[in-house]
Amino acid sequence: MTKGTNEDFQFEQLDEETLFIVSQTFKALGDPTRIRILYLLSQNEHSVNDIAEKLSLLQSTVSHQLRFLKNLRLVKYRREGTTLYYSPDDNHVMDVLQQTINHAQHH
């Protein structure tokens, strides 16, 4: 049998947890508001109020989206006094986001 035939290839299926996480990550990246938030955070860490102001969003909207992103471990926060500062928690996903932005801008 020659190398590279279909018979030589062992297909390994993804487990359910991996499939779920990947689909949820793409769901996160499928929302324009979440993309805007992630892109802003890729530049520097920001508080909820900062994000709301810079992106002209309601604070409640930003908090809701950050909670969604945090549950997927795409963002993390640090506390300074009573203020939470958010930043990316997964450089792999941020790389995918940046590559996708580059792709979209490459006309």
PDB file of N, CA and C in Angstrom:
ATOM      1  N   MET A   1       0.844  -1.169   0.000  1.00  0.00           N
ATOM      2  CA  MET A   1       0.000   0.000   0.000  1.00  0.00           C
ATOM      3  C   MET A   1       0.900   1.247   0.000  1.00  0.00           C
ATOM      4  N   THR A   2       0.535   2.235  -0.809  1.00  0.00           N
ATOM      5  CA  THR A   2       1.344   3.439  -0.880  1.00  0.00           C
ATOM      6  C   THR A   2       0.976   4.391   0.243  1.00  0.00           C
ATOM      7  N   LYS A   3       1.981   5.179   0.606  1.00  0.00           N
ATOM      8  CA  LYS A   3       1.782   6.145   1.696  1.00  0.00           C
ATOM      9  C   LYS A   3       0.776   7.212   1.264  1.00  0.00           C
ATOM     10  N   GLY A   4      -0.087   7.587   2.195  1.00  0.00           N
ATOM     11  CA  GLY A   4      -1.013   8.675   1.910  1.00  0.00           C
ATOM     12  C   GLY A   4      -2.363   8.235   1.392  1.00  0.00           C
ATOM     13  N   THR A   5      -2.599   6.956   1.300  1.00  0.00           N
ATOM     14  CA  THR A   5      -3.913   6.507   0.843  1.00  0.00           C
ATOM     15  C   THR A   5      -4.914   6.629   1.988  1.00  0.00           C
ATOM     16  N   ASN A   6      -6.172   6.606   1.615  1.00  0.00           N
ATOM     17  CA  ASN A   6      -7.233   6.737   2.620  1.00  0.00           C
ATOM     18  C   ASN A   6      -7.171   5.638   3.669  1.00  0.00           C
ATOM     19  N   GLU A   7      -6.730   4.446   3.283  1.00  0.00           N
ATOM     20  CA  GLU A   7      -6.678   3.337   4.228  1.00  0.00           C
ATOM     21  C   GLU A   7      -5.653   3.582   5.331  1.00  0.00           C
ATOM     22  N   ASP A   8      -4.603   4.368   5.033  1.00  0.00           N
ATOM     23  CA  ASP A   8      -3.562   4.651   6.027  1.00  0.00           C
ATOM     24  C   ASP A   8      -3.981   5.726   7.022  1.00  0.00           C
ATOM     25  N   PHE A   9      -4.949   6.501   6.651  1.00  0.00           N
ATOM     26  CA  PHE A   9      -5.328   7.657   7.461  1.00  0.00           C
ATOM     27  C   PHE A   9      -6.313   7.242   8.548  1.00  0.00           C
ATOM     28  N   GLN A  10      -5.924   7.440   9.785  1.00  0.00           N
ATOM     29  CA  GLN A  10      -6.814   7.156  10.908  1.00  0.00           C
ATOM     30  C   GLN A  10      -7.502   8.456  11.313  1.00  0.00           C
ATOM     31  N   PHE A  11      -8.786   8.540  11.089  1.00  0.00           N
ATOM     32  CA  PHE A  11      -9.551   9.731  11.415  1.00  0.00           C
ATOM     33  C   PHE A  11      -9.905   9.717  12.889  1.00  0.00           C
ATOM     34  N   GLU A  12      -9.507  10.755  13.580  1.00  0.00           N
ATOM     35  CA  GLU A  12      -9.825  10.875  14.994  1.00  0.00           C
ATOM     36  C   GLU A  12     -10.930  11.908  15.149  1.00  0.00           C
ATOM     37  N   GLN A  13     -12.054  11.495  15.682  1.00  0.00           N
ATOM     38  CA  GLN A  13     -13.173  12.408  15.859  1.00  0.00           C
ATOM     39  C   GLN A  13     -12.953  13.282  17.078  1.00  0.00           C
ATOM     40  N   LEU A  14     -13.526  14.470  17.017  1.00  0.00           N
ATOM     41  CA  LEU A  14     -13.460  15.371  18.157  1.00  0.00           C
ATOM     42  C   LEU A  14     -14.468  14.933  19.209  1.00  0.00           C
ATOM     43  N   ASP A  15     -14.080  15.054  20.465  1.00  0.00           N
ATOM     44  CA  ASP A  15     -15.017  14.706  21.528  1.00  0.00           C
ATOM     45  C   ASP A  15     -16.063  15.808  21.670  1.00  0.00           C
ATOM     46  N   GLU A  16     -17.155  15.487  22.330  1.00  0.00           N
ATOM     47  CA  GLU A  16     -18.300  16.404  22.446  1.00  0.00           C
ATOM     48  C   GLU A  16     -17.925  17.712  23.132  1.00  0.00           C
ATOM     49  N   GLU A  17     -17.101  17.646  24.162  1.00  0.00           N
ATOM     50  CA  GLU A  17     -16.708  18.868  24.880  1.00  0.00           C
ATOM     51  C   GLU A  17     -15.917  19.807  23.974  1.00  0.00           C
ATOM     52  N   THR A  18     -14.976  19.257  23.222  1.00  0.00           N
ATOM     53  CA  THR A  18     -14.185  20.067  22.291  1.00  0.00           C
ATOM     54  C   THR A  18     -15.080  20.686  21.231  1.00  0.00           C
ATOM     55  N   LEU A  19     -15.986  19.890  20.665  1.00  0.00           N
ATOM     56  CA  LEU A  19     -16.925  20.410  19.668  1.00  0.00           C
ATOM     57  C   LEU A  19     -17.749  21.566  20.230  1.00  0.00           C
ATOM     58  N   PHE A  20     -18.225  21.414  21.450  1.00  0.00           N
ATOM     59  CA  PHE A  20     -19.036  22.450  22.084  1.00  0.00           C
ATOM     60  C   PHE A  20     -18.226  23.733  22.286  1.00  0.00           C
ATOM     61  N   ILE A  21     -17.014  23.605  22.810  1.00  0.00           N
ATOM     62  CA  ILE A  21     -16.175  24.783  23.067  1.00  0.00           C
ATOM     63  C   ILE A  21     -15.836  25.497  21.764  1.00  0.00           C
ATOM     64  N   VAL A  22     -15.482  24.738  20.736  1.00  0.00           N
ATOM     65  CA  VAL A  22     -15.157  25.343  19.437  1.00  0.00           C
ATOM     66  C   VAL A  22     -16.375  26.066  18.865  1.00  0.00           C
ATOM     67  N   SER A  23     -17.536  25.437  18.935  1.00  0.00           N
ATOM     68  CA  SER A  23     -18.736  26.074  18.377  1.00  0.00           C
ATOM     69  C   SER A  23     -19.106  27.318  19.173  1.00  0.00           C
ATOM     70  N   GLN A  24     -18.951  27.287  20.484  1.00  0.00           N
ATOM     71  CA  GLN A  24     -19.235  28.464  21.310  1.00  0.00           C
ATOM     72  C   GLN A  24     -18.238  29.592  21.040  1.00  0.00           C
ATOM     73  N   THR A  25     -16.993  29.234  20.781  1.00  0.00           N
ATOM     74  CA  THR A  25     -15.977  30.244  20.460  1.00  0.00           C
ATOM     75  C   THR A  25     -16.321  30.930  19.148  1.00  0.00           C
ATOM     76  N   PHE A  26     -16.712  30.141  18.152  1.00  0.00           N
ATOM     77  CA  PHE A  26     -17.116  30.756  16.883  1.00  0.00           C
ATOM     78  C   PHE A  26     -18.400  31.552  17.038  1.00  0.00           C
ATOM     79  N   LYS A  27     -19.280  31.102  17.916  1.00  0.00           N
ATOM     80  CA  LYS A  27     -20.485  31.882  18.210  1.00  0.00           C
ATOM     81  C   LYS A  27     -20.090  33.238  18.795  1.00  0.00           C
ATOM     82  N   ALA A  28     -19.123  33.230  19.696  1.00  0.00           N
ATOM     83  CA  ALA A  28     -18.644  34.481  20.300  1.00  0.00           C
ATOM     84  C   ALA A  28     -18.080  35.412  19.238  1.00  0.00           C
ATOM     85  N   LEU A  29     -17.337  34.836  18.302  1.00  0.00           N
ATOM     86  CA  LEU A  29     -16.725  35.643  17.240  1.00  0.00           C
ATOM     87  C   LEU A  29     -17.718  35.989  16.136  1.00  0.00           C
ATOM     88  N   GLY A  30     -18.923  35.444  16.217  1.00  0.00           N
ATOM     89  CA  GLY A  30     -19.944  35.713  15.217  1.00  0.00           C
ATOM     90  C   GLY A  30     -20.823  36.908  15.546  1.00  0.00           C
ATOM     91  N   ASP A  31     -20.533  37.585  16.630  1.00  0.00           N
ATOM     92  CA  ASP A  31     -21.344  38.715  17.063  1.00  0.00           C
ATOM     93  C   ASP A  31     -20.540  40.010  16.921  1.00  0.00           C
ATOM     94  N   PRO A  32     -21.036  40.990  16.146  1.00  0.00           N
ATOM     95  CA  PRO A  32     -20.285  42.239  15.927  1.00  0.00           C
ATOM     96  C   PRO A  32     -19.913  42.978  17.212  1.00  0.00           C
ATOM     97  N   THR A  33     -20.799  42.988  18.195  1.00  0.00           N
ATOM     98  CA  THR A  33     -20.488  43.688  19.450  1.00  0.00           C
ATOM     99  C   THR A  33     -19.346  43.003  20.181  1.00  0.00           C
ATOM    100  N   ARG A  34     -19.374  41.675  20.237  1.00  0.00           N
ATOM    101  CA  ARG A  34     -18.288  40.949  20.903  1.00  0.00           C
ATOM    102  C   ARG A  34     -16.976  41.114  20.143  1.00  0.00           C
ATOM    103  N   ILE A  35     -17.034  41.150  18.823  1.00  0.00           N
ATOM    104  CA  ILE A  35     -15.822  41.384  18.031  1.00  0.00           C
ATOM    105  C   ILE A  35     -15.244  42.760  18.366  1.00  0.00           C
ATOM    106  N   ARG A  36     -16.100  43.765  18.436  1.00  0.00           N
ATOM    107  CA  ARG A  36     -15.636  45.114  18.765  1.00  0.00           C
ATOM    108  C   ARG A  36     -14.983  45.150  20.148  1.00  0.00           C
ATOM    109  N   ILE A  37     -15.598  44.480  21.113  1.00  0.00           N
ATOM    110  CA  ILE A  37     -15.046  44.441  22.475  1.00  0.00           C
ATOM    111  C   ILE A  37     -13.705  43.720  22.489  1.00  0.00           C
ATOM    112  N   LEU A  38     -13.636  42.552  21.865  1.00  0.00           N
ATOM    113  CA  LEU A  38     -12.382  41.795  21.831  1.00  0.00           C
ATOM    114  C   LEU A  38     -11.277  42.572  21.116  1.00  0.00           C
ATOM    115  N   TYR A  39     -11.640  43.232  20.031  1.00  0.00           N
ATOM    116  CA  TYR A  39     -10.634  44.003  19.294  1.00  0.00           C
ATOM    117  C   TYR A  39     -10.109  45.149  20.160  1.00  0.00           C
ATOM    118  N   LEU A  40     -10.992  45.833  20.863  1.00  0.00           N
ATOM    119  CA  LEU A  40     -10.561  46.907  21.767  1.00  0.00           C
ATOM    120  C   LEU A  40      -9.656  46.356  22.859  1.00  0.00           C
ATOM    121  N   LEU A  41     -10.036  45.224  23.437  1.00  0.00           N
ATOM    122  CA  LEU A  41      -9.216  44.628  24.494  1.00  0.00           C
ATOM    123  C   LEU A  41      -7.885  44.106  23.975  1.00  0.00           C
ATOM    124  N   SER A  42      -7.820  43.792  22.682  1.00  0.00           N
ATOM    125  CA  SER A  42      -6.540  43.336  22.115  1.00  0.00           C
ATOM    126  C   SER A  42      -5.517  44.472  22.091  1.00  0.00           C
ATOM    127  N   GLN A  43      -6.007  45.714  22.158  1.00  0.00           N
ATOM    128  CA  GLN A  43      -5.113  46.880  22.145  1.00  0.00           C
ATOM    129  C   GLN A  43      -4.585  47.188  23.552  1.00  0.00           C
ATOM    130  N   ASN A  44      -5.474  47.041  24.557  1.00  0.00           N
ATOM    131  CA  ASN A  44      -5.121  47.383  25.929  1.00  0.00           C
ATOM    132  C   ASN A  44      -6.251  46.925  26.838  1.00  0.00           C
ATOM    133  N   GLU A  45      -5.960  46.757  28.136  1.00  0.00           N
ATOM    134  CA  GLU A  45      -7.032  46.405  29.058  1.00  0.00           C
ATOM    135  C   GLU A  45      -7.918  47.624  29.298  1.00  0.00           C
ATOM    136  N   HIS A  46      -9.200  47.347  29.588  1.00  0.00           N
ATOM    137  CA  HIS A  46     -10.167  48.422  29.787  1.00  0.00           C
ATOM    138  C   HIS A  46     -11.191  48.010  30.838  1.00  0.00           C
ATOM    139  N   SER A  47     -11.741  49.001  31.522  1.00  0.00           N
ATOM    140  CA  SER A  47     -12.847  48.769  32.446  1.00  0.00           C
ATOM    141  C   SER A  47     -14.146  48.718  31.650  1.00  0.00           C
ATOM    142  N   VAL A  48     -15.211  48.251  32.294  1.00  0.00           N
ATOM    143  CA  VAL A  48     -16.525  48.208  31.650  1.00  0.00           C
ATOM    144  C   VAL A  48     -16.925  49.608  31.184  1.00  0.00           C
ATOM    145  N   ASN A  49     -16.736  50.597  32.040  1.00  0.00           N
ATOM    146  CA  ASN A  49     -17.097  51.975  31.680  1.00  0.00           C
ATOM    147  C   ASN A  49     -16.291  52.471  30.483  1.00  0.00           C
ATOM    148  N   ASP A  50     -14.994  52.162  30.471  1.00  0.00           N
ATOM    149  CA  ASP A  50     -14.125  52.523  29.333  1.00  0.00           C
ATOM    150  C   ASP A  50     -14.670  51.931  28.032  1.00  0.00           C
ATOM    151  N   ILE A  51     -14.964  50.651  28.085  1.00  0.00           N
ATOM    152  CA  ILE A  51     -15.450  49.943  26.892  1.00  0.00           C
ATOM    153  C   ILE A  51     -16.756  50.565  26.416  1.00  0.00           C
ATOM    154  N   ALA A  52     -17.677  50.772  27.361  1.00  0.00           N
ATOM    155  CA  ALA A  52     -18.977  51.349  27.020  1.00  0.00           C
ATOM    156  C   ALA A  52     -18.800  52.714  26.359  1.00  0.00           C
ATOM    157  N   GLU A  53     -17.926  53.521  26.917  1.00  0.00           N
ATOM    158  CA  GLU A  53     -17.701  54.865  26.377  1.00  0.00           C
ATOM    159  C   GLU A  53     -17.043  54.821  25.000  1.00  0.00           C
ATOM    160  N   LYS A  54     -15.971  54.051  24.882  1.00  0.00           N
ATOM    161  CA  LYS A  54     -15.220  54.003  23.618  1.00  0.00           C
ATOM    162  C   LYS A  54     -16.039  53.401  22.471  1.00  0.00           C
ATOM    163  N   LEU A  55     -16.939  52.460  22.793  1.00  0.00           N
ATOM    164  CA  LEU A  55     -17.707  51.780  21.751  1.00  0.00           C
ATOM    165  C   LEU A  55     -19.150  52.277  21.659  1.00  0.00           C
ATOM    166  N   SER A  56     -19.473  53.308  22.432  1.00  0.00           N
ATOM    167  CA  SER A  56     -20.835  53.871  22.459  1.00  0.00           C
ATOM    168  C   SER A  56     -21.895  52.792  22.717  1.00  0.00           C
ATOM    169  N   LEU A  57     -21.659  52.031  23.768  1.00  0.00           N
ATOM    170  CA  LEU A  57     -22.576  50.970  24.174  1.00  0.00           C
ATOM    171  C   LEU A  57     -23.064  51.239  25.591  1.00  0.00           C
ATOM    172  N   LEU A  58     -24.197  50.656  25.932  1.00  0.00           N
ATOM    173  CA  LEU A  58     -24.678  50.736  27.304  1.00  0.00           C
ATOM    174  C   LEU A  58     -23.791  49.870  28.198  1.00  0.00           C
ATOM    175  N   GLN A  59     -23.602  50.320  29.434  1.00  0.00           N
ATOM    176  CA  GLN A  59     -22.786  49.561  30.380  1.00  0.00           C
ATOM    177  C   GLN A  59     -23.367  48.158  30.590  1.00  0.00           C
ATOM    178  N   SER A  60     -24.695  48.046  30.627  1.00  0.00           N
ATOM    179  CA  SER A  60     -25.332  46.734  30.822  1.00  0.00           C
ATOM    180  C   SER A  60     -25.042  45.797  29.644  1.00  0.00           C
ATOM    181  N   THR A  61     -24.997  46.354  28.440  1.00  0.00           N
ATOM    182  CA  THR A  61     -24.668  45.556  27.245  1.00  0.00           C
ATOM    183  C   THR A  61     -23.245  45.031  27.341  1.00  0.00           C
ATOM    184  N   VAL A  62     -22.328  45.928  27.714  1.00  0.00           N
ATOM    185  CA  VAL A  62     -20.912  45.543  27.838  1.00  0.00           C
ATOM    186  C   VAL A  62     -20.752  44.470  28.913  1.00  0.00           C
ATOM    187  N   SER A  63     -21.384  44.667  30.066  1.00  0.00           N
ATOM    188  CA  SER A  63     -21.285  43.689  31.154  1.00  0.00           C
ATOM    189  C   SER A  63     -21.803  42.327  30.719  1.00  0.00           C
ATOM    190  N   HIS A  64     -22.935  42.321  30.026  1.00  0.00           N
ATOM    191  CA  HIS A  64     -23.515  41.066  29.535  1.00  0.00           C
ATOM    192  C   HIS A  64     -22.550  40.357  28.585  1.00  0.00           C
ATOM    193  N   GLN A  65     -21.990  41.089  27.634  1.00  0.00           N
ATOM    194  CA  GLN A  65     -21.077  40.498  26.647  1.00  0.00           C
ATOM    195  C   GLN A  65     -19.786  40.024  27.309  1.00  0.00           C
ATOM    196  N   LEU A  66     -19.276  40.793  28.265  1.00  0.00           N
ATOM    197  CA  LEU A  66     -18.055  40.385  28.966  1.00  0.00           C
ATOM    198  C   LEU A  66     -18.285  39.113  29.776  1.00  0.00           C
ATOM    199  N   ARG A  67     -19.456  38.971  30.362  1.00  0.00           N
ATOM    200  CA  ARG A  67     -19.785  37.759  31.110  1.00  0.00           C
ATOM    201  C   ARG A  67     -19.780  36.554  30.157  1.00  0.00           C
ATOM    202  N   PHE A  68     -20.375  36.719  28.975  1.00  0.00           N
ATOM    203  CA  PHE A  68     -20.383  35.661  27.966  1.00  0.00           C
ATOM    204  C   PHE A  68     -18.946  35.295  27.582  1.00  0.00           C
ATOM    205  N   LEU A  69     -18.112  36.302  27.313  1.00  0.00           N
ATOM    206  CA  LEU A  69     -16.731  36.074  26.905  1.00  0.00           C
ATOM    207  C   LEU A  69     -15.897  35.472  28.036  1.00  0.00           C
ATOM    208  N   LYS A  70     -16.170  35.886  29.253  1.00  0.00           N
ATOM    209  CA  LYS A  70     -15.438  35.347  30.412  1.00  0.00           C
ATOM    210  C   LYS A  70     -15.784  33.878  30.628  1.00  0.00           C
ATOM    211  N   ASN A  71     -17.057  33.524  30.452  1.00  0.00           N
ATOM    212  CA  ASN A  71     -17.468  32.123  30.607  1.00  0.00           C
ATOM    213  C   ASN A  71     -16.780  31.216  29.609  1.00  0.00           C
ATOM    214  N   LEU A  72     -16.411  31.758  28.465  1.00  0.00           N
ATOM    215  CA  LEU A  72     -15.681  30.991  27.445  1.00  0.00           C
ATOM    216  C   LEU A  72     -14.168  31.091  27.633  1.00  0.00           C
ATOM    217  N   ARG A  73     -13.750  31.788  28.672  1.00  0.00           N
ATOM    218  CA  ARG A  73     -12.333  32.023  28.976  1.00  0.00           C
ATOM    219  C   ARG A  73     -11.628  32.776  27.840  1.00  0.00           C
ATOM    220  N   LEU A  74     -12.366  33.698  27.207  1.00  0.00           N
ATOM    221  CA  LEU A  74     -11.778  34.536  26.166  1.00  0.00           C
ATOM    222  C   LEU A  74     -11.287  35.856  26.738  1.00  0.00           C
ATOM    223  N   VAL A  75     -11.853  36.269  27.869  1.00  0.00           N
ATOM    224  CA  VAL A  75     -11.375  37.454  28.575  1.00  0.00           C
ATOM    225  C   VAL A  75     -11.193  37.118  30.052  1.00  0.00           C
ATOM    226  N   LYS A  76     -10.350  37.890  30.697  1.00  0.00           N
ATOM    227  CA  LYS A  76     -10.134  37.774  32.139  1.00  0.00           C
ATOM    228  C   LYS A  76     -10.156  39.188  32.708  1.00  0.00           C
ATOM    229  N   TYR A  77     -10.178  39.289  34.012  1.00  0.00           N
ATOM    230  CA  TYR A  77     -10.155  40.612  34.617  1.00  0.00           C
ATOM    231  C   TYR A  77      -9.232  40.632  35.821  1.00  0.00           C
ATOM    232  N   ARG A  78      -8.832  41.836  36.161  1.00  0.00           N
ATOM    233  CA  ARG A  78      -8.116  42.067  37.411  1.00  0.00           C
ATOM    234  C   ARG A  78      -8.850  43.187  38.131  1.00  0.00           C
ATOM    235  N   ARG A  79      -8.847  43.117  39.443  1.00  0.00           N
ATOM    236  CA  ARG A  79      -9.561  44.097  40.252  1.00  0.00           C
ATOM    237  C   ARG A  79      -8.576  45.137  40.779  1.00  0.00           C
ATOM    238  N   GLU A  80      -8.958  46.391  40.640  1.00  0.00           N
ATOM    239  CA  GLU A  80      -8.197  47.493  41.234  1.00  0.00           C
ATOM    240  C   GLU A  80      -9.197  48.354  41.988  1.00  0.00           C
ATOM    241  N   GLY A  81      -9.222  48.205  43.319  1.00  0.00           N
ATOM    242  CA  GLY A  81     -10.257  48.870  44.105  1.00  0.00           C
ATOM    243  C   GLY A  81     -11.600  48.249  43.770  1.00  0.00           C
ATOM    244  N   THR A  82     -12.540  49.083  43.323  1.00  0.00           N
ATOM    245  CA  THR A  82     -13.865  48.571  42.942  1.00  0.00           C
ATOM    246  C   THR A  82     -13.994  48.398  41.433  1.00  0.00           C
ATOM    247  N   THR A  83     -12.932  48.701  40.691  1.00  0.00           N
ATOM    248  CA  THR A  83     -12.980  48.638  39.224  1.00  0.00           C
ATOM    249  C   THR A  83     -12.351  47.343  38.720  1.00  0.00           C
ATOM    250  N   LEU A  84     -13.032  46.725  37.751  1.00  0.00           N
ATOM    251  CA  LEU A  84     -12.508  45.537  37.085  1.00  0.00           C
ATOM    252  C   LEU A  84     -11.948  45.947  35.733  1.00  0.00           C
ATOM    253  N   TYR A  85     -10.725  45.519  35.453  1.00  0.00           N
ATOM    254  CA  TYR A  85     -10.081  45.794  34.169  1.00  0.00           C
ATOM    255  C   TYR A  85      -9.990  44.490  33.379  1.00  0.00           C
ATOM    256  N   TYR A  86     -10.553  44.502  32.181  1.00  0.00           N
ATOM    257  CA  TYR A  86     -10.622  43.309  31.338  1.00  0.00           C
ATOM    258  C   TYR A  86      -9.516  43.299  30.299  1.00  0.00           C
ATOM    259  N   SER A  87      -9.062  42.082  29.979  1.00  0.00           N
ATOM    260  CA  SER A  87      -8.041  41.873  28.948  1.00  0.00           C
ATOM    261  C   SER A  87      -8.264  40.486  28.342  1.00  0.00           C
ATOM    262  N   PRO A  88      -7.627  40.222  27.193  1.00  0.00           N
ATOM    263  CA  PRO A  88      -7.789  38.897  26.572  1.00  0.00           C
ATOM    264  C   PRO A  88      -7.225  37.796  27.469  1.00  0.00           C
ATOM    265  N   ASP A  89      -7.873  36.645  27.466  1.00  0.00           N
ATOM    266  CA  ASP A  89      -7.405  35.499  28.256  1.00  0.00           C
ATOM    267  C   ASP A  89      -6.910  34.372  27.363  1.00  0.00           C
ATOM    268  N   ASP A  90      -7.102  34.494  26.058  1.00  0.00           N
ATOM    269  CA  ASP A  90      -6.708  33.419  25.156  1.00  0.00           C
ATOM    270  C   ASP A  90      -6.083  34.006  23.898  1.00  0.00           C
ATOM    271  N   ASN A  91      -4.760  33.955  23.831  1.00  0.00           N
ATOM    272  CA  ASN A  91      -4.067  34.525  22.668  1.00  0.00           C
ATOM    273  C   ASN A  91      -4.351  33.760  21.389  1.00  0.00           C
ATOM    274  N   HIS A  92      -4.671  32.472  21.497  1.00  0.00           N
ATOM    275  CA  HIS A  92      -4.993  31.699  20.295  1.00  0.00           C
ATOM    276  C   HIS A  92      -6.204  32.303  19.591  1.00  0.00           C
ATOM    277  N   VAL A  93      -7.257  32.582  20.359  1.00  0.00           N
ATOM    278  CA  VAL A  93      -8.476  33.138  19.779  1.00  0.00           C
ATOM    279  C   VAL A  93      -8.230  34.566  19.293  1.00  0.00           C
ATOM    280  N   MET A  94      -7.424  35.324  20.027  1.00  0.00           N
ATOM    281  CA  MET A  94      -7.116  36.688  19.596  1.00  0.00           C
ATOM    282  C   MET A  94      -6.327  36.655  18.282  1.00  0.00           C
ATOM    283  N   ASP A  95      -5.467  35.661  18.121  1.00  0.00           N
ATOM    284  CA  ASP A  95      -4.738  35.500  16.852  1.00  0.00           C
ATOM    285  C   ASP A  95      -5.707  35.196  15.710  1.00  0.00           C
ATOM    286  N   VAL A  96      -6.668  34.322  15.960  1.00  0.00           N
ATOM    287  CA  VAL A  96      -7.675  34.001  14.941  1.00  0.00           C
ATOM    288  C   VAL A  96      -8.461  35.259  14.588  1.00  0.00           C
ATOM    289  N   LEU A  97      -8.853  36.038  15.591  1.00  0.00           N
ATOM    290  CA  LEU A  97      -9.582  37.284  15.352  1.00  0.00           C
ATOM    291  C   LEU A  97      -8.752  38.232  14.494  1.00  0.00           C
ATOM    292  N   GLN A  98      -7.483  38.416  14.854  1.00  0.00           N
ATOM    293  CA  GLN A  98      -6.629  39.340  14.100  1.00  0.00           C
ATOM    294  C   GLN A  98      -6.411  38.848  12.672  1.00  0.00           C
ATOM    295  N   GLN A  99      -6.217  37.547  12.503  1.00  0.00           N
ATOM    296  CA  GLN A  99      -6.041  36.994  11.158  1.00  0.00           C
ATOM    297  C   GLN A  99      -7.302  37.176  10.330  1.00  0.00           C
ATOM    298  N   THR A 100      -8.451  37.032  10.957  1.00  0.00           N
ATOM    299  CA  THR A 100      -9.719  37.199  10.249  1.00  0.00           C
ATOM    300  C   THR A 100      -9.924  38.659   9.859  1.00  0.00           C
ATOM    301  N   ILE A 101      -9.565  39.575  10.750  1.00  0.00           N
ATOM    302  CA  ILE A 101      -9.626  41.010  10.433  1.00  0.00           C
ATOM    303  C   ILE A 101      -8.692  41.318   9.269  1.00  0.00           C
ATOM    304  N   ASN A 102      -7.483  40.790   9.324  1.00  0.00           N
ATOM    305  CA  ASN A 102      -6.516  41.005   8.226  1.00  0.00           C
ATOM    306  C   ASN A 102      -7.083  40.461   6.916  1.00  0.00           C
ATOM    307  N   HIS A 103      -7.700  39.293   6.971  1.00  0.00           N
ATOM    308  CA  HIS A 103      -8.301  38.690   5.788  1.00  0.00           C
ATOM    309  C   HIS A 103      -9.391  39.600   5.223  1.00  0.00           C
ATOM    310  N   ALA A 104     -10.244  40.128   6.102  1.00  0.00           N
ATOM    311  CA  ALA A 104     -11.355  40.988   5.674  1.00  0.00           C
ATOM    312  C   ALA A 104     -10.872  42.296   5.072  1.00  0.00           C
ATOM    313  N   GLN A 105      -9.748  42.793   5.569  1.00  0.00           N
ATOM    314  CA  GLN A 105      -9.218  44.069   5.086  1.00  0.00           C
ATOM    315  C   GLN A 105      -8.337  43.905   3.848  1.00  0.00           C
ATOM    316  N   HIS A 106      -8.013  42.678   3.483  1.00  0.00           N
ATOM    317  CA  HIS A 106      -7.128  42.400   2.347  1.00  0.00           C
ATOM    318  C   HIS A 106      -7.961  42.235   1.081  1.00  0.00           C
ATOM    319  N   HIS A 107      -8.227  43.345   0.441  1.00  0.00           N
ATOM    320  CA  HIS A 107      -9.034  43.300  -0.810  1.00  0.00           C
ATOM    321  C   HIS A 107      -8.150  43.544  -2.000  1.00  0.00           C
TER     322      HIS A 107
END
